[in-house]
């Protein structure tokens, strides 16, 4: 986790430093905004994991993308909360730079 935070902070610092370049200007913002996605993922993962543990009283299981069975967990079956946790952490960090731009 420490290495993920470090890499994320390096990318965020690079994204802040590249904000003013005209060559990175896109139709809806700067291309450098996408360097913030790892940090957004860490933030959304931490918040959604905390909420999941608060609501369901156990750890979330990330659902496999190509799995068709609800029997993926080691000690319990998947439920709708696990699927929502997976989808939120998969898409929301990529949607935030679109909303910012």
PDB file of N, CA and C in Angstrom:
ATOM      1  N   UNK A   1       0.821  -1.186   0.000  1.00  0.00           N
ATOM      2  CA  UNK A   1       0.000   0.000   0.000  1.00  0.00           C
ATOM      3  C   UNK A   1       0.872   1.260   0.000  1.00  0.00           C
ATOM      4  N   UNK A   2       1.989   1.192   0.714  1.00  0.00           N
ATOM      5  CA  UNK A   2       2.897   2.345   0.764  1.00  0.00           C
ATOM      6  C   UNK A   2       3.442   2.658  -0.629  1.00  0.00           C
ATOM      7  N   UNK A   3       3.803   1.624  -1.375  1.00  0.00           N
ATOM      8  CA  UNK A   3       4.330   1.864  -2.722  1.00  0.00           C
ATOM      9  C   UNK A   3       3.242   2.403  -3.645  1.00  0.00           C
ATOM     10  N   UNK A   4       1.991   1.953  -3.497  1.00  0.00           N
ATOM     11  CA  UNK A   4       0.895   2.477  -4.309  1.00  0.00           C
ATOM     12  C   UNK A   4       0.652   3.952  -3.999  1.00  0.00           C
ATOM     13  N   UNK A   5       0.716   4.312  -2.733  1.00  0.00           N
ATOM     14  CA  UNK A   5       0.545   5.719  -2.351  1.00  0.00           C
ATOM     15  C   UNK A   5       1.686   6.560  -2.898  1.00  0.00           C
ATOM     16  N   UNK A   6       2.918   6.048  -2.823  1.00  0.00           N
ATOM     17  CA  UNK A   6       4.065   6.786  -3.332  1.00  0.00           C
ATOM     18  C   UNK A   6       3.958   7.004  -4.836  1.00  0.00           C
ATOM     19  N   UNK A   7       3.642   5.963  -5.590  1.00  0.00           N
ATOM     20  CA  UNK A   7       3.505   6.089  -7.045  1.00  0.00           C
ATOM     21  C   UNK A   7       2.365   7.046  -7.380  1.00  0.00           C
ATOM     22  N   UNK A   8       1.279   6.956  -6.646  1.00  0.00           N
ATOM     23  CA  UNK A   8       0.150   7.848  -6.862  1.00  0.00           C
ATOM     24  C   UNK A   8       0.530   9.302  -6.608  1.00  0.00           C
ATOM     25  N   UNK A   9       1.265   9.552  -5.542  1.00  0.00           N
ATOM     26  CA  UNK A   9       1.703  10.924  -5.250  1.00  0.00           C
ATOM     27  C   UNK A   9       2.649  11.461  -6.312  1.00  0.00           C
ATOM     28  N   UNK A  10       3.522  10.612  -6.839  1.00  0.00           N
ATOM     29  CA  UNK A  10       4.429  11.033  -7.919  1.00  0.00           C
ATOM     30  C   UNK A  10       3.622  11.402  -9.165  1.00  0.00           C
ATOM     31  N   UNK A  11       2.623  10.588  -9.506  1.00  0.00           N
ATOM     32  CA  UNK A  11       1.795  10.891 -10.670  1.00  0.00           C
ATOM     33  C   UNK A  11       0.970  12.162 -10.476  1.00  0.00           C
ATOM     34  N   UNK A  12       0.443  12.361  -9.275  1.00  0.00           N
ATOM     35  CA  UNK A  12      -0.316  13.582  -8.987  1.00  0.00           C
ATOM     36  C   UNK A  12       0.592  14.808  -9.089  1.00  0.00           C
ATOM     37  N   UNK A  13       1.810  14.716  -8.557  1.00  0.00           N
ATOM     38  CA  UNK A  13       2.755  15.836  -8.662  1.00  0.00           C
ATOM     39  C   UNK A  13       3.075  16.128 -10.126  1.00  0.00           C
ATOM     40  N   UNK A  14       3.260  15.080 -10.917  1.00  0.00           N
ATOM     41  CA  UNK A  14       3.491  15.279 -12.346  1.00  0.00           C
ATOM     42  C   UNK A  14       2.287  15.903 -13.029  1.00  0.00           C
ATOM     43  N   UNK A  15       1.087  15.486 -12.639  1.00  0.00           N
ATOM     44  CA  UNK A  15      -0.131  16.064 -13.209  1.00  0.00           C
ATOM     45  C   UNK A  15      -0.280  17.532 -12.882  1.00  0.00           C
ATOM     46  N   UNK A  16       0.057  17.920 -11.644  1.00  0.00           N
ATOM     47  CA  UNK A  16       0.000  19.334 -11.282  1.00  0.00           C
ATOM     48  C   UNK A  16       1.030  20.152 -12.055  1.00  0.00           C
ATOM     49  N   UNK A  17       2.220  19.597 -12.257  1.00  0.00           N
ATOM     50  CA  UNK A  17       3.266  20.325 -12.980  1.00  0.00           C
ATOM     51  C   UNK A  17       2.973  20.465 -14.466  1.00  0.00           C
ATOM     52  N   UNK A  18       2.193  19.564 -15.034  1.00  0.00           N
ATOM     53  CA  UNK A  18       1.897  19.596 -16.466  1.00  0.00           C
ATOM     54  C   UNK A  18       0.604  20.325 -16.800  1.00  0.00           C
ATOM     55  N   UNK A  19      -0.044  20.951 -15.844  1.00  0.00           N
ATOM     56  CA  UNK A  19      -1.349  21.576 -16.076  1.00  0.00           C
ATOM     57  C   UNK A  19      -1.312  22.752 -17.053  1.00  0.00           C
ATOM     58  N   UNK A  20      -0.260  23.488 -17.146  1.00  0.00           N
ATOM     59  CA  UNK A  20      -0.258  24.702 -17.958  1.00  0.00           C
ATOM     60  C   UNK A  20       0.206  24.544 -19.391  1.00  0.00           C
ATOM     61  N   UNK A  21       0.614  23.363 -19.813  1.00  0.00           N
ATOM     62  CA  UNK A  21       1.170  23.186 -21.150  1.00  0.00           C
ATOM     63  C   UNK A  21       0.061  23.178 -22.207  1.00  0.00           C
ATOM     64  N   UNK A  22       0.240  24.026 -23.242  1.00  0.00           N
ATOM     65  CA  UNK A  22      -0.745  24.096 -24.317  1.00  0.00           C
ATOM     66  C   UNK A  22      -0.771  22.826 -25.158  1.00  0.00           C
ATOM     67  N   UNK A  23       0.349  22.119 -25.239  1.00  0.00           N
ATOM     68  CA  UNK A  23       0.392  20.897 -26.042  1.00  0.00           C
ATOM     69  C   UNK A  23      -0.447  19.767 -25.432  1.00  0.00           C
ATOM     70  N   UNK A  24      -0.771  19.870 -24.155  1.00  0.00           N
ATOM     71  CA  UNK A  24      -1.594  18.861 -23.489  1.00  0.00           C
ATOM     72  C   UNK A  24      -3.065  19.247 -23.425  1.00  0.00           C
ATOM     73  N   UNK A  25      -3.404  20.390 -24.008  1.00  0.00           N
ATOM     74  CA  UNK A  25      -4.790  20.849 -24.001  1.00  0.00           C
ATOM     75  C   UNK A  25      -5.641  19.940 -24.887  1.00  0.00           C
ATOM     76  N   UNK A  26      -6.732  19.458 -24.316  1.00  0.00           N
ATOM     77  CA  UNK A  26      -7.686  18.646 -25.063  1.00  0.00           C
ATOM     78  C   UNK A  26      -8.994  19.425 -25.187  1.00  0.00           C
ATOM     79  N   UNK A  27      -9.952  18.842 -25.837  1.00  0.00           N
ATOM     80  CA  UNK A  27     -11.240  19.508 -26.033  1.00  0.00           C
ATOM     81  C   UNK A  27     -11.914  19.830 -24.700  1.00  0.00           C
ATOM     82  N   UNK A  28     -11.828  18.913 -23.751  1.00  0.00           N
ATOM     83  CA  UNK A  28     -12.506  19.082 -22.464  1.00  0.00           C
ATOM     84  C   UNK A  28     -11.532  19.108 -21.298  1.00  0.00           C
ATOM     85  N   UNK A  29     -10.465  19.837 -21.373  1.00  0.00           N
ATOM     86  CA  UNK A  29      -9.522  19.917 -20.269  1.00  0.00           C
ATOM     87  C   UNK A  29      -8.121  19.540 -20.702  1.00  0.00           C
ATOM     88  N   UNK A  30      -7.313  19.146 -19.744  1.00  0.00           N
ATOM     89  CA  UNK A  30      -5.927  18.777 -19.996  1.00  0.00           C
ATOM     90  C   UNK A  30      -5.738  17.273 -19.948  1.00  0.00           C
ATOM     91  N   UNK A  31      -4.818  16.791 -20.754  1.00  0.00           N
ATOM     92  CA  UNK A  31      -4.492  15.366 -20.736  1.00  0.00           C
ATOM     93  C   UNK A  31      -3.852  14.969 -19.413  1.00  0.00           C
ATOM     94  N   UNK A  32      -3.235  15.919 -18.738  1.00  0.00           N
ATOM     95  CA  UNK A  32      -2.573  15.633 -17.468  1.00  0.00           C
ATOM     96  C   UNK A  32      -3.563  15.290 -16.358  1.00  0.00           C
ATOM     97  N   UNK A  33      -4.846  15.591 -16.554  1.00  0.00           N
ATOM     98  CA  UNK A  33      -5.847  15.246 -15.540  1.00  0.00           C
ATOM     99  C   UNK A  33      -5.927  13.742 -15.321  1.00  0.00           C
ATOM    100  N   UNK A  34      -5.572  12.946 -16.325  1.00  0.00           N
ATOM    101  CA  UNK A  34      -5.641  11.495 -16.203  1.00  0.00           C
ATOM    102  C   UNK A  34      -4.554  10.952 -15.282  1.00  0.00           C
ATOM    103  N   UNK A  35      -3.553  11.750 -14.966  1.00  0.00           N
ATOM    104  CA  UNK A  35      -2.531  11.315 -14.011  1.00  0.00           C
ATOM    105  C   UNK A  35      -3.068  11.278 -12.579  1.00  0.00           C
ATOM    106  N   UNK A  36      -4.230  11.867 -12.360  1.00  0.00           N
ATOM    107  CA  UNK A  36      -4.837  11.870 -11.033  1.00  0.00           C
ATOM    108  C   UNK A  36      -5.647  10.599 -10.751  1.00  0.00           C
ATOM    109  N   UNK A  37      -5.903   9.771 -11.767  1.00  0.00           N
ATOM    110  CA  UNK A  37      -6.762   8.596 -11.609  1.00  0.00           C
ATOM    111  C   UNK A  37      -6.273   7.624 -10.523  1.00  0.00           C
ATOM    112  N   UNK A  38      -4.968   7.302 -10.420  1.00  0.00           N
ATOM    113  CA  UNK A  38      -4.554   6.404  -9.329  1.00  0.00           C
ATOM    114  C   UNK A  38      -4.863   6.965  -7.938  1.00  0.00           C
ATOM    115  N   UNK A  39      -4.712   8.259  -7.760  1.00  0.00           N
ATOM    116  CA  UNK A  39      -5.038   8.865  -6.465  1.00  0.00           C
ATOM    117  C   UNK A  39      -6.541   8.815  -6.215  1.00  0.00           C
ATOM    118  N   UNK A  40      -7.335   9.087  -7.260  1.00  0.00           N
ATOM    119  CA  UNK A  40      -8.784   8.991  -7.111  1.00  0.00           C
ATOM    120  C   UNK A  40      -9.201   7.563  -6.776  1.00  0.00           C
ATOM    121  N   UNK A  41      -8.523   6.571  -7.374  1.00  0.00           N
ATOM    122  CA  UNK A  41      -8.841   5.179  -7.061  1.00  0.00           C
ATOM    123  C   UNK A  41      -8.550   4.882  -5.602  1.00  0.00           C
ATOM    124  N   UNK A  42      -7.392   5.300  -5.104  1.00  0.00           N
ATOM    125  CA  UNK A  42      -7.063   5.036  -3.700  1.00  0.00           C
ATOM    126  C   UNK A  42      -8.067   5.689  -2.755  1.00  0.00           C
ATOM    127  N   UNK A  43      -8.520   6.893  -3.108  1.00  0.00           N
ATOM    128  CA  UNK A  43      -9.493   7.592  -2.266  1.00  0.00           C
ATOM    129  C   UNK A  43     -10.838   6.883  -2.306  1.00  0.00           C
ATOM    130  N   UNK A  44     -11.330   6.557  -3.511  1.00  0.00           N
ATOM    131  CA  UNK A  44     -12.632   5.888  -3.600  1.00  0.00           C
ATOM    132  C   UNK A  44     -12.576   4.491  -2.997  1.00  0.00           C
ATOM    133  N   UNK A  45     -11.464   3.792  -3.166  1.00  0.00           N
ATOM    134  CA  UNK A  45     -11.343   2.458  -2.583  1.00  0.00           C
ATOM    135  C   UNK A  45     -11.401   2.520  -1.063  1.00  0.00           C
ATOM    136  N   UNK A  46     -10.689   3.470  -0.481  1.00  0.00           N
ATOM    137  CA  UNK A  46     -10.680   3.602   0.977  1.00  0.00           C
ATOM    138  C   UNK A  46     -12.064   3.955   1.508  1.00  0.00           C
ATOM    139  N   UNK A  47     -12.737   4.903   0.859  1.00  0.00           N
ATOM    140  CA  UNK A  47     -14.061   5.329   1.317  1.00  0.00           C
ATOM    141  C   UNK A  47     -15.085   4.213   1.141  1.00  0.00           C
ATOM    142  N   UNK A  48     -15.109   3.571  -0.033  1.00  0.00           N
ATOM    143  CA  UNK A  48     -16.102   2.521  -0.264  1.00  0.00           C
ATOM    144  C   UNK A  48     -15.830   1.293   0.604  1.00  0.00           C
ATOM    145  N   UNK A  49     -14.573   0.986   0.857  1.00  0.00           N
ATOM    146  CA  UNK A  49     -14.255  -0.143   1.735  1.00  0.00           C
ATOM    147  C   UNK A  49     -14.732   0.137   3.159  1.00  0.00           C
ATOM    148  N   UNK A  50     -14.506   1.363   3.631  1.00  0.00           N
ATOM    149  CA  UNK A  50     -14.968   1.737   4.965  1.00  0.00           C
ATOM    150  C   UNK A  50     -16.492   1.654   5.049  1.00  0.00           C
ATOM    151  N   UNK A  51     -17.197   2.183   4.039  1.00  0.00           N
ATOM    152  CA  UNK A  51     -18.658   2.125   4.046  1.00  0.00           C
ATOM    153  C   UNK A  51     -19.158   0.687   3.959  1.00  0.00           C
ATOM    154  N   UNK A  52     -18.497  -0.137   3.148  1.00  0.00           N
ATOM    155  CA  UNK A  52     -18.886  -1.535   3.022  1.00  0.00           C
ATOM    156  C   UNK A  52     -18.754  -2.246   4.367  1.00  0.00           C
ATOM    157  N   UNK A  53     -17.627  -2.035   5.033  1.00  0.00           N
ATOM    158  CA  UNK A  53     -17.415  -2.675   6.335  1.00  0.00           C
ATOM    159  C   UNK A  53     -18.405  -2.156   7.369  1.00  0.00           C
ATOM    160  N   UNK A  54     -18.778  -0.891   7.270  1.00  0.00           N
ATOM    161  CA  UNK A  54     -19.746  -0.305   8.188  1.00  0.00           C
ATOM    162  C   UNK A  54     -21.141  -0.890   7.963  1.00  0.00           C
ATOM    163  N   UNK A  55     -21.523  -1.090   6.712  1.00  0.00           N
ATOM    164  CA  UNK A  55     -22.873  -1.577   6.398  1.00  0.00           C
ATOM    165  C   UNK A  55     -22.974  -3.092   6.548  1.00  0.00           C
ATOM    166  N   UNK A  56     -22.035  -3.838   5.953  1.00  0.00           N
ATOM    167  CA  UNK A  56     -22.152  -5.293   5.882  1.00  0.00           C
ATOM    168  C   UNK A  56     -21.352  -6.040   6.958  1.00  0.00           C
ATOM    169  N   UNK A  57     -20.540  -5.357   7.713  1.00  0.00           N
ATOM    170  CA  UNK A  57     -19.772  -5.942   8.831  1.00  0.00           C
ATOM    171  C   UNK A  57     -18.759  -7.007   8.404  1.00  0.00           C
ATOM    172  N   UNK A  58     -18.274  -6.952   7.158  1.00  0.00           N
ATOM    173  CA  UNK A  58     -17.185  -7.829   6.724  1.00  0.00           C
ATOM    174  C   UNK A  58     -16.450  -7.183   5.558  1.00  0.00           C
ATOM    175  N   UNK A  59     -15.343  -7.779   5.159  1.00  0.00           N
ATOM    176  CA  UNK A  59     -14.522  -7.234   4.086  1.00  0.00           C
ATOM    177  C   UNK A  59     -15.188  -7.458   2.726  1.00  0.00           C
ATOM    178  N   UNK A  60     -15.064  -6.489   1.820  1.00  0.00           N
ATOM    179  CA  UNK A  60     -15.611  -6.691   0.481  1.00  0.00           C
ATOM    180  C   UNK A  60     -14.741  -7.638  -0.340  1.00  0.00           C
ATOM    181  N   UNK A  61     -15.370  -8.320  -1.272  1.00  0.00           N
ATOM    182  CA  UNK A  61     -14.665  -9.187  -2.203  1.00  0.00           C
ATOM    183  C   UNK A  61     -14.788  -8.554  -3.578  1.00  0.00           C
ATOM    184  N   UNK A  62     -13.655  -8.328  -4.229  1.00  0.00           N
ATOM    185  CA  UNK A  62     -13.699  -7.793  -5.583  1.00  0.00           C
ATOM    186  C   UNK A  62     -14.167  -8.908  -6.512  1.00  0.00           C
ATOM    187  N   UNK A  63     -15.263  -8.675  -7.215  1.00  0.00           N
ATOM    188  CA  UNK A  63     -15.823  -9.671  -8.118  1.00  0.00           C
ATOM    189  C   UNK A  63     -14.968  -9.762  -9.375  1.00  0.00           C
ATOM    190  N   UNK A  64     -14.793 -10.974  -9.884  1.00  0.00           N
ATOM    191  CA  UNK A  64     -14.052 -11.169 -11.124  1.00  0.00           C
ATOM    192  C   UNK A  64     -14.851 -10.661 -12.304  1.00  0.00           C
ATOM    193  N   UNK A  65     -14.184 -10.066 -13.278  1.00  0.00           N
ATOM    194  CA  UNK A  65     -14.898  -9.432 -14.380  1.00  0.00           C
ATOM    195  C   UNK A  65     -15.572 -10.428 -15.314  1.00  0.00           C
ATOM    196  N   UNK A  66     -14.993 -11.596 -15.512  1.00  0.00           N
ATOM    197  CA  UNK A  66     -15.560 -12.567 -16.445  1.00  0.00           C
ATOM    198  C   UNK A  66     -16.241 -13.740 -15.731  1.00  0.00           C
ATOM    199  N   UNK A  67     -16.446 -13.638 -14.449  1.00  0.00           N
ATOM    200  CA  UNK A  67     -17.046 -14.726 -13.688  1.00  0.00           C
ATOM    201  C   UNK A  67     -18.573 -14.654 -13.798  1.00  0.00           C
ATOM    202  N   UNK A  68     -19.202 -15.811 -13.861  1.00  0.00           N
ATOM    203  CA  UNK A  68     -20.659 -15.854 -13.965  1.00  0.00           C
ATOM    204  C   UNK A  68     -21.303 -16.432 -12.708  1.00  0.00           C
ATOM    205  N   UNK A  69     -20.529 -16.824 -11.742  1.00  0.00           N
ATOM    206  CA  UNK A  69     -21.057 -17.446 -10.538  1.00  0.00           C
ATOM    207  C   UNK A  69     -20.908 -16.495  -9.352  1.00  0.00           C
ATOM    208  N   UNK A  70     -21.791 -16.649  -8.375  1.00  0.00           N
ATOM    209  CA  UNK A  70     -21.702 -15.872  -7.139  1.00  0.00           C
ATOM    210  C   UNK A  70     -20.850 -16.585  -6.106  1.00  0.00           C
ATOM    211  N   UNK A  71     -20.219 -17.703  -6.476  1.00  0.00           N
ATOM    212  CA  UNK A  71     -19.417 -18.522  -5.556  1.00  0.00           C
ATOM    213  C   UNK A  71     -17.928 -18.184  -5.648  1.00  0.00           C
ATOM    214  N   UNK A  72     -17.562 -16.930  -5.761  1.00  0.00           N
ATOM    215  CA  UNK A  72     -16.167 -16.547  -5.935  1.00  0.00           C
ATOM    216  C   UNK A  72     -15.427 -16.381  -4.619  1.00  0.00           C
ATOM    217  N   UNK A  73     -16.126 -16.119  -3.553  1.00  0.00           N
ATOM    218  CA  UNK A  73     -15.473 -15.827  -2.292  1.00  0.00           C
ATOM    219  C   UNK A  73     -14.917 -17.059  -1.616  1.00  0.00           C
ATOM    220  N   UNK A  74     -13.904 -16.856  -0.761  1.00  0.00           N
ATOM    221  CA  UNK A  74     -13.304 -17.975  -0.045  1.00  0.00           C
ATOM    222  C   UNK A  74     -14.199 -18.439   1.105  1.00  0.00           C
ATOM    223  N   UNK A  75     -14.759 -17.486   1.828  1.00  0.00           N
ATOM    224  CA  UNK A  75     -15.500 -17.849   3.032  1.00  0.00           C
ATOM    225  C   UNK A  75     -16.980 -17.470   2.970  1.00  0.00           C
ATOM    226  N   UNK A  76     -17.401 -16.791   1.923  1.00  0.00           N
ATOM    227  CA  UNK A  76     -18.811 -16.437   1.783  1.00  0.00           C
ATOM    228  C   UNK A  76     -19.117 -16.191   0.305  1.00  0.00           C
ATOM    229  N   UNK A  77     -20.400 -16.196  -0.020  1.00  0.00           N
ATOM    230  CA  UNK A  77     -20.821 -15.934  -1.389  1.00  0.00           C
ATOM    231  C   UNK A  77     -20.816 -14.428  -1.655  1.00  0.00           C
ATOM    232  N   UNK A  78     -20.672 -14.077  -2.910  1.00  0.00           N
ATOM    233  CA  UNK A  78     -20.794 -12.669  -3.287  1.00  0.00           C
ATOM    234  C   UNK A  78     -22.246 -12.233  -3.148  1.00  0.00           C
ATOM    235  N   UNK A  79     -22.450 -10.937  -2.939  1.00  0.00           N
ATOM    236  CA  UNK A  79     -23.790 -10.382  -2.961  1.00  0.00           C
ATOM    237  C   UNK A  79     -23.754  -9.068  -3.714  1.00  0.00           C
ATOM    238  N   UNK A  80     -24.865  -8.384  -3.801  1.00  0.00           N
ATOM    239  CA  UNK A  80     -24.960  -7.171  -4.596  1.00  0.00           C
ATOM    240  C   UNK A  80     -23.987  -6.098  -4.112  1.00  0.00           C
ATOM    241  N   UNK A  81     -23.736  -6.030  -2.824  1.00  0.00           N
ATOM    242  CA  UNK A  81     -22.782  -5.051  -2.292  1.00  0.00           C
ATOM    243  C   UNK A  81     -21.380  -5.254  -2.845  1.00  0.00           C
ATOM    244  N   UNK A  82     -20.961  -6.515  -2.991  1.00  0.00           N
ATOM    245  CA  UNK A  82     -19.649  -6.800  -3.579  1.00  0.00           C
ATOM    246  C   UNK A  82     -19.588  -6.349  -5.030  1.00  0.00           C
ATOM    247  N   UNK A  83     -20.654  -6.596  -5.771  1.00  0.00           N
ATOM    248  CA  UNK A  83     -20.679  -6.181  -7.170  1.00  0.00           C
ATOM    249  C   UNK A  83     -20.666  -4.665  -7.299  1.00  0.00           C
ATOM    250  N   UNK A  84     -21.438  -3.977  -6.461  1.00  0.00           N
ATOM    251  CA  UNK A  84     -21.423  -2.517  -6.484  1.00  0.00           C
ATOM    252  C   UNK A  84     -20.057  -1.964  -6.088  1.00  0.00           C
ATOM    253  N   UNK A  85     -19.441  -2.571  -5.109  1.00  0.00           N
ATOM    254  CA  UNK A  85     -18.098  -2.169  -4.695  1.00  0.00           C
ATOM    255  C   UNK A  85     -17.120  -2.269  -5.864  1.00  0.00           C
ATOM    256  N   UNK A  86     -17.192  -3.368  -6.609  1.00  0.00           N
ATOM    257  CA  UNK A  86     -16.297  -3.579  -7.743  1.00  0.00           C
ATOM    258  C   UNK A  86     -16.558  -2.564  -8.850  1.00  0.00           C
ATOM    259  N   UNK A  87     -17.819  -2.341  -9.178  1.00  0.00           N
ATOM    260  CA  UNK A  87     -18.160  -1.416 -10.265  1.00  0.00           C
ATOM    261  C   UNK A  87     -17.799   0.019  -9.892  1.00  0.00           C
ATOM    262  N   UNK A  88     -18.106   0.413  -8.672  1.00  0.00           N
ATOM    263  CA  UNK A  88     -17.784   1.781  -8.242  1.00  0.00           C
ATOM    264  C   UNK A  88     -16.281   2.021  -8.298  1.00  0.00           C
ATOM    265  N   UNK A  89     -15.493   1.067  -7.800  1.00  0.00           N
ATOM    266  CA  UNK A  89     -14.041   1.249  -7.808  1.00  0.00           C
ATOM    267  C   UNK A  89     -13.439   1.094  -9.199  1.00  0.00           C
ATOM    268  N   UNK A  90     -14.171   0.511 -10.117  1.00  0.00           N
ATOM    269  CA  UNK A  90     -13.671   0.377 -11.477  1.00  0.00           C
ATOM    270  C   UNK A  90     -13.940   1.587 -12.353  1.00  0.00           C
ATOM    271  N   UNK A  91     -15.094   2.236 -12.139  1.00  0.00           N
ATOM    272  CA  UNK A  91     -15.489   3.300 -13.047  1.00  0.00           C
ATOM    273  C   UNK A  91     -15.403   4.711 -12.482  1.00  0.00           C
ATOM    274  N   UNK A  92     -15.729   4.901 -11.230  1.00  0.00           N
ATOM    275  CA  UNK A  92     -15.767   6.255 -10.663  1.00  0.00           C
ATOM    276  C   UNK A  92     -14.411   6.970 -10.743  1.00  0.00           C
ATOM    277  N   UNK A  93     -13.279   6.318 -10.446  1.00  0.00           N
ATOM    278  CA  UNK A  93     -12.007   7.044 -10.573  1.00  0.00           C
ATOM    279  C   UNK A  93     -11.699   7.510 -12.000  1.00  0.00           C
ATOM    280  N   UNK A  94     -12.247   6.828 -13.002  1.00  0.00           N
ATOM    281  CA  UNK A  94     -12.031   7.275 -14.384  1.00  0.00           C
ATOM    282  C   UNK A  94     -13.037   8.330 -14.817  1.00  0.00           C
ATOM    283  N   UNK A  95     -14.179   8.410 -14.133  1.00  0.00           N
ATOM    284  CA  UNK A  95     -15.173   9.423 -14.466  1.00  0.00           C
ATOM    285  C   UNK A  95     -14.872  10.775 -13.841  1.00  0.00           C
ATOM    286  N   UNK A  96     -14.167  10.791 -12.739  1.00  0.00           N
ATOM    287  CA  UNK A  96     -13.870  12.057 -12.048  1.00  0.00           C
ATOM    288  C   UNK A  96     -13.087  13.028 -12.944  1.00  0.00           C
ATOM    289  N   UNK A  97     -12.022  12.617 -13.670  1.00  0.00           N
ATOM    290  CA  UNK A  97     -11.353  13.587 -14.549  1.00  0.00           C
ATOM    291  C   UNK A  97     -12.258  14.118 -15.664  1.00  0.00           C
ATOM    292  N   UNK A  98     -13.222  13.324 -16.095  1.00  0.00           N
ATOM    293  CA  UNK A  98     -14.168  13.813 -17.118  1.00  0.00           C
ATOM    294  C   UNK A  98     -15.059  14.884 -16.522  1.00  0.00           C
ATOM    295  N   UNK A  99     -15.511  14.683 -15.265  1.00  0.00           N
ATOM    296  CA  UNK A  99     -16.349  15.679 -14.612  1.00  0.00           C
ATOM    297  C   UNK A  99     -15.565  16.942 -14.287  1.00  0.00           C
ATOM    298  N   UNK A 100     -14.273  16.806 -13.950  1.00  0.00           N
ATOM    299  CA  UNK A 100     -13.444  17.965 -13.629  1.00  0.00           C
ATOM    300  C   UNK A 100     -13.246  18.830 -14.873  1.00  0.00           C
ATOM    301  N   UNK A 101     -12.949  18.151 -15.997  1.00  0.00           N
ATOM    302  CA  UNK A 101     -12.649  18.872 -17.249  1.00  0.00           C
ATOM    303  C   UNK A 101     -13.834  19.528 -17.790  1.00  0.00           C
TER     304      UNK A 101
END
